[in-house]
Amino acid sequence: MGIASGLAFQATLKESLKSWSANRTEKQATEIQNFNLLLPFLGICAGICIFLASGLNIFSIGLWFAYAFSILVTILIGGLIWSQLRTLLRQLQTGGSKAIDLDVFDI
């Protein structure tokens, strides 16, 4: 579930970035984070949550506790990743692709 949603997320993000870069003046880069991108992201989060809960359940941790813990961790990490994506899109909009170049280290 997580892998299939991840592939859909990748394709949707690439297509959204292509359409945004074609007409940058009409909309902001952060507008890419709409429902079309949120749905596959939620699928990734659901897959991760089920995976974590199943892993905890293997070690004789109760099912309710395993899912409660997994949901909490998934919501926290998913929220952090979603906000990081928003930050990266803002950097892309202001500085172009050179703003997020990870291979360059200016010391």
Protein backbone atom coordinates (compact mmCIF):
# COMPACT_ATOMS: atom_id res chain seq x y z
CA MET A 1 0.00 0.00 0.00
CA GLY A 2 2.78 2.40 0.91
CA ILE A 3 4.82 1.61 -2.20
CA ALA A 4 1.87 1.99 -4.57
CA SER A 5 0.91 5.27 -2.93
CA GLY A 6 4.54 6.39 -3.06
CA LEU A 7 4.67 5.83 -6.80
CA ALA A 8 1.43 7.77 -7.23
CA PHE A 9 2.84 10.56 -5.01
CA GLN A 10 6.00 10.72 -7.11
CA ALA A 11 4.10 10.89 -10.39
CA THR A 12 1.68 13.52 -9.08
CA LEU A 13 4.48 15.67 -7.65
CA LYS A 14 6.49 15.51 -10.87
CA GLU A 15 3.48 16.42 -13.00
CA SER A 16 2.49 19.27 -10.68
CA LEU A 17 6.02 20.68 -10.68
CA LYS A 18 6.18 20.49 -14.48
CA SER A 19 2.93 22.39 -14.86
CA TRP A 20 4.00 24.92 -12.22
CA SER A 21 7.37 25.56 -13.88
CA ALA A 22 5.65 26.09 -17.24
CA ASN A 23 3.61 29.03 -15.88
CA ARG A 24 5.22 30.31 -12.68
CA THR A 25 3.50 33.69 -12.71
CA GLU A 26 -0.01 32.30 -12.35
CA LYS A 27 0.31 30.38 -9.08
CA GLN A 28 2.56 29.86 -6.10
CA ALA A 29 4.68 26.74 -5.70
CA THR A 30 3.00 25.94 -2.40
CA GLU A 31 -0.33 25.61 -4.22
CA ILE A 32 0.98 22.30 -5.55
CA GLN A 33 0.15 20.83 -2.13
CA ASN A 34 -3.51 20.24 -2.92
CA PHE A 35 -5.85 17.27 -2.56
CA ASN A 36 -4.33 15.52 -5.61
CA LEU A 37 -1.01 15.34 -3.77
CA LEU A 38 -2.47 14.86 -0.30
CA LEU A 39 -4.38 11.69 -1.18
CA PRO A 40 -1.32 9.60 -2.17
CA PHE A 41 0.58 11.05 0.80
CA LEU A 42 -2.16 9.85 3.13
CA GLY A 43 -1.92 6.43 1.46
CA ILE A 44 1.80 6.35 2.24
CA CYS A 45 1.07 7.32 5.84
CA ALA A 46 -1.61 4.62 6.15
CA GLY A 47 0.77 1.99 4.78
CA ILE A 48 3.49 3.04 7.21
CA CYS A 49 1.03 3.02 10.11
CA ILE A 50 -0.13 -0.52 9.33
CA PHE A 51 3.48 -1.65 8.91
CA LEU A 52 4.52 -0.17 12.26
CA ALA A 53 1.51 -1.60 14.09
CA SER A 54 2.09 -5.04 12.60
CA GLY A 55 5.75 -4.91 13.60
CA LEU A 56 4.85 -4.01 17.16
CA ASN A 57 2.16 -6.68 17.27
CA ILE A 58 4.74 -9.35 16.36
CA PHE A 59 6.50 -8.64 19.67
CA SER A 60 3.36 -9.45 21.69
CA ILE A 61 2.36 -5.84 22.14
CA GLY A 62 -1.40 -5.44 22.33
CA LEU A 63 -3.20 -4.60 19.12
CA TRP A 64 -4.87 -1.46 20.51
CA PHE A 65 -1.61 -0.10 21.89
CA ALA A 66 0.28 -0.97 18.71
CA TYR A 67 -2.18 0.90 16.51
CA ALA A 68 -2.50 3.84 18.91
CA PHE A 69 1.27 4.24 19.04
CA SER A 70 1.63 3.79 15.28
CA ILE A 71 -1.08 6.34 14.51
CA LEU A 72 0.55 8.89 16.82
CA VAL A 73 4.02 8.38 15.35
CA THR A 74 2.69 8.43 11.79
CA ILE A 75 0.75 11.66 12.33
CA LEU A 76 3.78 13.38 13.86
CA ILE A 77 6.25 12.25 11.22
CA GLY A 78 3.78 12.78 8.37
CA GLY A 79 3.11 16.33 9.55
CA LEU A 80 6.83 17.06 9.71
CA ILE A 81 7.40 15.70 6.21
CA TRP A 82 4.43 17.66 4.80
CA SER A 83 5.74 20.90 6.33
CA GLN A 84 9.24 20.15 5.03
CA LEU A 85 7.80 19.70 1.54
CA ARG A 86 6.12 23.12 1.87
CA THR A 87 9.47 24.65 2.88
CA LEU A 88 11.24 23.04 -0.08
CA LEU A 89 8.58 24.32 -2.47
CA ARG A 90 9.01 27.85 -1.10
CA GLN A 91 12.78 27.60 -1.57
CA LEU A 92 12.24 26.34 -5.10
CA GLN A 93 9.98 29.27 -5.87
CA THR A 94 12.30 31.94 -4.49
CA GLY A 95 15.69 30.63 -5.57
CA GLY A 96 15.02 28.11 -8.31
CA SER A 97 16.55 24.66 -8.37
CA LYS A 98 19.93 25.99 -7.19
CA ALA A 99 18.32 26.88 -3.84
CA ILE A 100 17.77 23.21 -3.03
CA ASP A 101 20.97 21.81 -4.54
CA LEU A 102 22.19 19.34 -1.93
CA ASP A 103 25.49 18.55 -3.65
CA VAL A 104 26.99 21.99 -3.13
CA PHE A 105 28.57 22.74 0.23
CA ASP A 106 29.58 26.37 0.68
CA ILE A 107 32.00 26.57 3.57
